[in-house]
Protein backbone atom coordinates (compact mmCIF):
# COMPACT_ATOMS: atom_id res chain seq x y z
CA MET A 1 0.00 0.00 0.00
CA PHE A 2 0.99 3.65 0.26
CA GLN A 3 2.87 5.32 3.08
CA ILE A 4 1.10 8.66 2.59
CA VAL A 5 -2.31 9.36 1.08
CA GLY A 6 -3.76 12.79 0.44
CA VAL A 7 -7.23 14.31 0.27
CA GLY A 8 -7.52 17.88 -0.93
CA TYR A 9 -7.27 20.28 -3.83
CA SER A 10 -5.89 19.13 -7.18
CA CYS A 11 -5.92 21.20 -10.34
CA VAL A 12 -4.08 22.28 -13.46
CA ASP A 13 -2.13 25.51 -12.96
CA LYS A 14 -1.92 27.99 -15.83
CA ILE A 15 1.07 30.09 -14.77
CA CYS A 16 1.86 33.41 -16.44
CA THR A 17 4.95 35.48 -15.69
CA VAL A 18 4.02 39.09 -16.40
CA GLU A 19 6.11 42.07 -17.46
CA ASP A 20 4.97 44.32 -14.62
CA PHE A 21 2.64 43.52 -11.76
CA PRO A 22 -0.61 45.30 -12.73
CA VAL A 23 -2.84 47.50 -10.66
CA GLU A 24 -6.61 47.11 -10.88
CA ASP A 25 -8.24 48.13 -14.18
CA SER A 26 -4.96 48.14 -16.12
CA SER A 27 -3.03 45.76 -18.36
CA THR A 28 0.40 44.18 -18.65
CA HIS A 29 2.15 41.78 -21.00
CA ILE A 30 2.79 38.09 -20.44
CA ILE A 31 6.50 37.27 -20.70
CA SER A 32 6.12 33.49 -20.49
CA LYS A 33 3.52 30.89 -19.61
CA VAL A 34 3.65 27.32 -18.42
CA THR A 35 1.12 24.64 -17.49
CA GLN A 36 1.76 22.37 -14.51
CA GLY A 37 -0.20 20.43 -11.97
CA GLY A 38 -1.25 22.36 -8.88
CA GLY A 39 -3.16 22.21 -5.62
CA ALA A 40 -1.91 22.14 -2.03
CA VAL A 41 -2.19 18.44 -1.22
CA ALA A 42 -1.55 17.47 -4.84
CA THR A 43 1.77 19.30 -5.07
CA ALA A 44 2.81 18.06 -1.63
CA LEU A 45 2.28 14.50 -2.89
CA VAL A 46 4.42 15.19 -5.95
CA ALA A 47 7.20 16.38 -3.65
CA ILE A 48 6.76 13.28 -1.49
CA SER A 49 7.00 11.03 -4.54
CA ARG A 50 10.10 12.73 -5.95
CA LEU A 51 11.75 12.38 -2.56
CA GLY A 52 11.18 8.64 -2.67
CA VAL A 53 8.01 7.84 -0.72
CA ARG A 54 5.05 5.96 -2.21
CA CYS A 55 1.88 8.04 -2.10
CA ALA A 56 -1.60 8.33 -3.58
CA PHE A 57 -4.31 10.95 -4.05
CA ILE A 58 -7.89 10.19 -3.02
CA GLY A 59 -10.70 12.20 -4.60
CA ASN A 60 -13.30 12.70 -7.28
CA ILE A 61 -12.41 13.57 -10.85
CA GLY A 62 -14.44 14.14 -14.01
CA ASN A 63 -14.41 12.72 -17.52
CA ASP A 64 -13.31 15.96 -19.18
CA LYS A 65 -9.95 16.94 -20.70
CA VAL A 66 -8.83 18.89 -17.63
CA SER A 67 -9.48 15.83 -15.44
CA ASP A 68 -7.42 13.69 -17.81
CA GLU A 69 -4.60 16.22 -17.56
CA VAL A 70 -4.73 16.19 -13.75
CA ILE A 71 -4.35 12.41 -13.80
CA GLN A 72 -1.56 12.44 -16.38
CA LEU A 73 0.41 15.01 -14.39
CA PHE A 74 0.12 12.91 -11.23
CA GLU A 75 1.18 9.72 -12.98
CA ALA A 76 4.16 11.45 -14.62
CA ASP A 77 5.50 12.09 -11.11
CA GLY A 78 4.73 8.68 -9.67
CA VAL A 79 1.71 9.66 -7.58
CA SER A 80 -0.88 6.89 -7.70
CA THR A 81 -4.30 7.80 -9.07
CA GLU A 82 -5.97 4.46 -8.35
CA TYR A 83 -8.16 6.10 -5.69
CA MET A 84 -9.35 8.91 -7.94
CA VAL A 85 -12.96 8.17 -8.82
CA LYS A 86 -14.25 9.29 -12.21
CA ARG A 87 -17.76 10.74 -12.07
CA ASP A 88 -19.96 12.38 -14.69
CA ASP A 89 -21.08 15.01 -12.18
CA CYS A 90 -17.50 16.20 -11.57
CA HIS A 91 -15.03 18.20 -13.62
CA GLY A 92 -11.33 18.98 -13.50
CA LEU A 93 -10.31 22.20 -11.77
CA GLU A 94 -8.06 24.94 -13.13
CA SER A 95 -6.11 27.68 -11.40
CA TYR A 96 -4.58 30.79 -12.94
CA VAL A 97 -1.38 32.14 -11.43
CA MET A 98 0.29 35.50 -12.10
CA VAL A 99 4.00 35.65 -11.28
CA ASN A 100 5.87 38.91 -10.65
CA PRO A 101 9.38 38.52 -12.16
CA ALA A 102 10.81 41.19 -9.86
CA ASN A 103 10.57 38.99 -6.78
CA GLY A 104 8.96 35.70 -7.79
CA SER A 105 5.74 36.40 -5.88
CA ARG A 106 2.59 34.74 -7.16
CA THR A 107 -1.04 35.82 -7.17
CA LYS A 108 -3.48 32.94 -7.53
CA PHE A 109 -6.97 32.63 -8.97
CA PRO A 110 -8.02 29.06 -8.16
CA GLU A 111 -11.35 27.70 -9.35
CA ARG A 112 -13.59 26.92 -6.38
CA ASP A 113 -14.23 23.23 -5.88
CA TYR A 114 -17.96 22.70 -6.25
CA ASN A 115 -17.60 19.00 -7.06
CA PRO A 116 -19.74 16.70 -4.89
CA PRO A 117 -18.15 15.12 -1.82
CA ILE A 118 -16.32 11.82 -1.92
CA ALA A 119 -18.58 8.77 -1.62
CA TRP A 120 -16.52 6.78 0.85
CA ASP A 121 -16.49 3.01 0.41
CA SER A 122 -14.36 0.22 1.87
CA ARG A 123 -11.72 0.54 -0.85
CA LEU A 124 -11.14 4.25 -0.22
CA GLU A 125 -11.30 3.82 3.54
CA ASN A 126 -8.73 1.02 3.38
CA ALA A 127 -6.36 3.31 1.50
CA ILE A 128 -6.35 5.58 4.56
CA ARG A 129 -6.39 2.74 7.09
CA LYS A 130 -3.25 1.15 5.63
CA ALA A 131 -1.31 4.41 5.27
CA GLN A 132 1.07 5.87 7.82
CA ILE A 133 0.02 9.47 7.23
CA LEU A 134 -3.07 11.19 5.81
CA HIS A 135 -2.31 14.65 4.41
CA LEU A 136 -5.15 17.20 4.12
CA ASP A 137 -5.61 20.83 3.08
CA GLY A 138 -9.22 21.39 4.10
CA THR A 139 -10.23 22.99 0.80
CA HIS A 140 -13.28 20.74 0.46
CA TYR A 141 -14.22 20.72 4.14
CA GLU A 142 -16.56 17.73 4.09
CA ASN A 143 -13.98 15.57 2.34
CA ALA A 144 -11.25 16.60 4.78
CA LEU A 145 -13.39 16.06 7.88
CA ASN A 146 -14.61 12.63 6.80
CA ALA A 147 -11.11 11.53 5.82
CA ALA A 148 -9.79 12.73 9.18
CA LYS A 149 -12.47 10.75 11.03
CA ILE A 150 -11.48 7.60 9.15
CA ALA A 151 -7.81 8.17 9.95
CA LYS A 152 -8.54 8.82 13.63
CA SER A 153 -10.56 5.62 13.93
CA HIS A 154 -7.59 3.59 12.65
CA GLY A 155 -4.76 5.42 14.42
CA VAL A 156 -3.35 6.95 11.23
CA LEU A 157 -1.40 10.19 11.68
CA ILE A 158 -3.13 13.28 10.27
CA SER A 159 -1.17 16.11 8.68
CA LEU A 160 -3.08 19.32 7.95
CA ASP A 161 -1.86 22.08 5.66
CA GLY A 162 -3.56 25.04 7.30
CA CYS A 163 -4.17 27.09 4.18
CA SER A 164 -7.90 27.00 3.46
CA MET A 165 -10.33 28.55 5.93
CA GLN A 166 -14.08 28.24 6.30
CA LYS A 167 -16.21 31.28 7.16
CA ASP A 168 -17.46 29.41 10.22
CA ASN A 169 -14.33 29.41 12.39
CA GLU A 170 -15.66 26.58 14.54
CA LYS A 171 -15.14 24.32 11.53
CA ASN A 172 -11.54 25.47 11.20
CA CYS A 173 -10.92 24.82 14.87
CA ALA A 174 -12.51 21.38 14.68
CA LEU A 175 -10.34 20.26 11.76
CA ALA A 176 -7.16 21.77 13.21
CA SER A 177 -7.81 19.96 16.49
CA MET A 178 -7.89 16.61 14.68
CA ALA A 179 -4.41 17.07 13.22
CA ASP A 180 -1.29 15.44 14.62
CA ILE A 181 0.94 17.58 12.42
CA LEU A 182 -0.42 21.10 11.96
CA ILE A 183 1.68 23.33 9.71
CA MET A 184 -0.04 26.49 8.50
CA ASN A 185 0.47 29.44 6.20
CA SER A 186 0.96 32.96 7.57
CA LYS A 187 -2.76 33.83 7.77
CA TYR A 188 -4.25 30.64 9.20
CA PRO A 189 -2.94 30.67 12.81
CA LEU A 190 -3.93 34.26 13.57
CA ARG A 191 -7.39 33.94 12.05
CA VAL A 192 -8.25 30.54 13.48
CA SER A 193 -6.81 31.06 16.98
CA GLU A 194 -8.09 34.66 17.12
CA LYS A 195 -4.79 35.70 18.71
CA ASP A 196 -2.75 38.82 17.91
CA SER A 197 0.71 37.31 17.48
CA TYR A 198 2.24 34.17 16.02
CA GLU A 199 3.69 33.21 19.37
CA GLU A 200 0.31 33.42 21.09
CA ALA A 201 -1.43 31.66 18.21
CA LEU A 202 0.99 28.76 17.92
CA LEU A 203 1.15 28.19 21.66
CA GLU A 204 -2.64 28.26 21.89
CA MET A 205 -3.08 25.81 19.01
CA SER A 206 -0.46 23.48 20.48
CA THR A 207 -2.93 22.85 23.33
CA TRP A 208 -5.64 21.65 20.93
CA GLY A 209 -4.13 18.21 20.38
CA PRO A 210 -1.49 18.32 17.60
CA ARG A 211 1.96 16.97 18.46
CA ILE A 212 3.63 19.34 15.96
CA VAL A 213 2.49 22.95 15.41
CA GLY A 214 4.13 25.50 13.15
CA CYS A 215 3.66 28.01 10.37
CA THR A 216 5.59 29.05 7.27
CA LEU A 217 6.31 32.73 6.64
CA GLY A 218 7.88 32.87 3.19
CA GLU A 219 11.28 34.54 3.13
CA ASP A 220 10.99 35.04 6.90
CA GLY A 221 11.31 31.29 7.38
CA SER A 222 9.08 29.37 9.75
CA ARG A 223 8.11 29.14 13.41
CA PHE A 224 7.46 25.99 15.39
CA VAL A 225 6.54 25.10 18.94
CA ILE A 226 9.38 23.10 20.48
CA ASN A 227 9.36 22.12 24.16
CA GLY A 228 6.65 24.65 24.95
CA LYS A 229 8.36 27.60 23.27
CA VAL A 230 8.05 29.14 19.81
CA ARG A 231 11.29 29.01 17.85
CA SER A 232 12.12 30.70 14.56
CA PHE A 233 13.88 28.92 11.71
CA PRO A 234 15.40 30.74 8.73
CA SER A 235 14.53 30.23 5.10
CA TYR A 236 17.36 29.29 2.76
CA LYS A 237 18.19 31.53 -0.15
CA ALA A 238 17.51 30.18 -3.62
CA GLN A 239 20.13 30.73 -6.31
CA LYS A 240 17.52 32.89 -8.01
CA VAL A 241 13.90 33.19 -6.94
CA VAL A 242 12.02 32.59 -10.18
CA ASP A 243 8.62 31.59 -8.79
CA THR A 244 7.29 30.98 -5.28
CA THR A 245 4.21 29.06 -6.47
CA GLY A 246 3.82 25.88 -4.41
CA CYS A 247 6.47 26.69 -1.80
CA GLY A 248 4.21 25.88 1.14
CA ASP A 249 2.97 22.69 -0.53
CA VAL A 250 6.52 21.50 -1.18
CA PHE A 251 7.48 22.34 2.41
CA HIS A 252 4.76 19.98 3.62
CA GLY A 253 5.82 17.19 1.29
CA ALA A 254 9.48 17.44 2.24
CA PHE A 255 8.67 17.73 5.95
CA LEU A 256 6.55 14.56 5.88
CA ASN A 257 9.22 12.70 3.93
CA SER A 258 11.83 13.54 6.55
CA TYR A 259 9.40 12.82 9.39
CA LEU A 260 8.72 9.33 8.02
CA SER A 261 12.47 8.74 7.96
CA GLY A 262 12.51 9.15 11.73
CA MET A 263 14.31 12.49 11.79
CA ASP A 264 13.86 14.91 14.69
CA LEU A 265 11.73 18.02 14.29
CA GLU A 266 14.57 20.45 13.66
CA HIS A 267 16.02 18.24 10.93
CA CYS A 268 12.57 17.94 9.30
CA ILE A 269 12.22 21.74 9.25
CA ARG A 270 15.65 22.31 7.72
CA PHE A 271 15.19 19.54 5.18
CA ALA A 272 11.86 21.07 4.11
CA SER A 273 13.29 24.60 3.94
CA ILE A 274 16.20 23.54 1.75
CA THR A 275 13.88 21.59 -0.54
CA VAL A 276 11.80 24.75 -1.03
CA SER A 277 14.89 26.83 -1.81
CA ILE A 278 15.70 24.48 -4.69
CA LYS A 279 12.11 24.47 -5.95
CA CYS A 280 12.10 28.28 -6.31
CA ASN A 281 14.76 28.18 -9.03
CA MET A 282 12.26 27.10 -11.69
CA PRO A 283 8.81 28.36 -12.75
CA GLY A 284 5.67 26.71 -11.46
CA GLY A 285 4.93 24.71 -8.36
CA ARG A 286 6.34 21.36 -9.47
CA ALA A 287 9.06 21.69 -12.12
CA GLY A 288 11.76 22.61 -9.62
CA ILE A 289 10.99 20.00 -6.95
CA PRO A 290 14.26 18.13 -6.34
CA ASN A 291 14.99 14.51 -5.51
CA LYS A 292 16.38 13.46 -2.14
CA GLU A 293 20.00 13.30 -3.30
CA GLN A 294 19.87 16.93 -4.45
CA VAL A 295 18.46 18.06 -1.11
CA LEU A 296 20.98 16.15 0.97
CA LYS A 297 23.85 17.46 -1.16
CA LEU A 298 22.75 21.05 -0.57
CA MET A 299 22.25 20.38 3.15
CA VAL A 300 25.87 19.26 3.40
CA GLU A 301 27.03 22.36 1.52
CA LYS A 302 24.99 24.63 3.82
CA LEU A 303 26.42 22.88 6.88
CA HIS A 304 29.97 23.47 5.69
CA LYS A 305 29.21 27.15 5.03
CA CYS A 306 27.70 27.56 8.50
CA ARG A 307 30.81 26.08 10.07
CA LYS A 308 32.84 28.67 8.19
CA GLY A 309 30.59 31.46 9.46
CA ASP A 310 28.50 31.98 6.29
CA LYS A 311 24.85 31.34 7.27
CA LYS A 312 23.27 32.08 3.88
């Protein structure tokens, strides 16, 4: 079976690098465009696969061309699609991404997932039951909640990418409380905990049940609760930041890969951060995702530089 299975958002990204970042009611030129697979859980699974762990996506998919492309992009990266259920009442999702070449920032326009919820049967439930980790993003709340309940009933670890929030904050709190590994984007902890600072938010959420609580902050690195205190970890500089699309997703995938290897929390964080720094060198969320050998090689190089006093 599969070590990690994921339930969440999967789409085709249409990524355009623009000449100048536009203001509202204006225009700009497209410098380049690329099509890649996207979605929080989906891209995390691609990272997991490239780093050498067997994984699968669970979810509904349509019979249209976009759905076929979603499947093809998964299979090209070794992510199993055997638990993706084709339905006539579903369609493939697309997301449009605008990249600012000045700093690699991305502005996303994802299509909202109005596809019907997963119809859970014994085959899909067994995929979760036999996995070591279930990874979620909460985009389709009903799917995430039901998957989490299945995982809990079988003692499977739950990883939640805190990136998608419901208007009803009680739902956000309920899902976050079910996670064993809760790593969030910069907005999620403040909104969901209703605290004023990251330190307050992370410490509060660490009392809800998760064994690991942290958040990613882009170029400002990440913060994690370790031994009851919030610690900051730096990001690692890319050779050239071409595109930050998918950075958080790749962080999750790399973190889970390292976690499954039995590494301690600090090693998992550094491994994930270095993986992201490599990813940023290429356009799109997936093209730049490295393999494990590339990450470990760069980790050794960074370690040598740190010993010489260069912490970049």
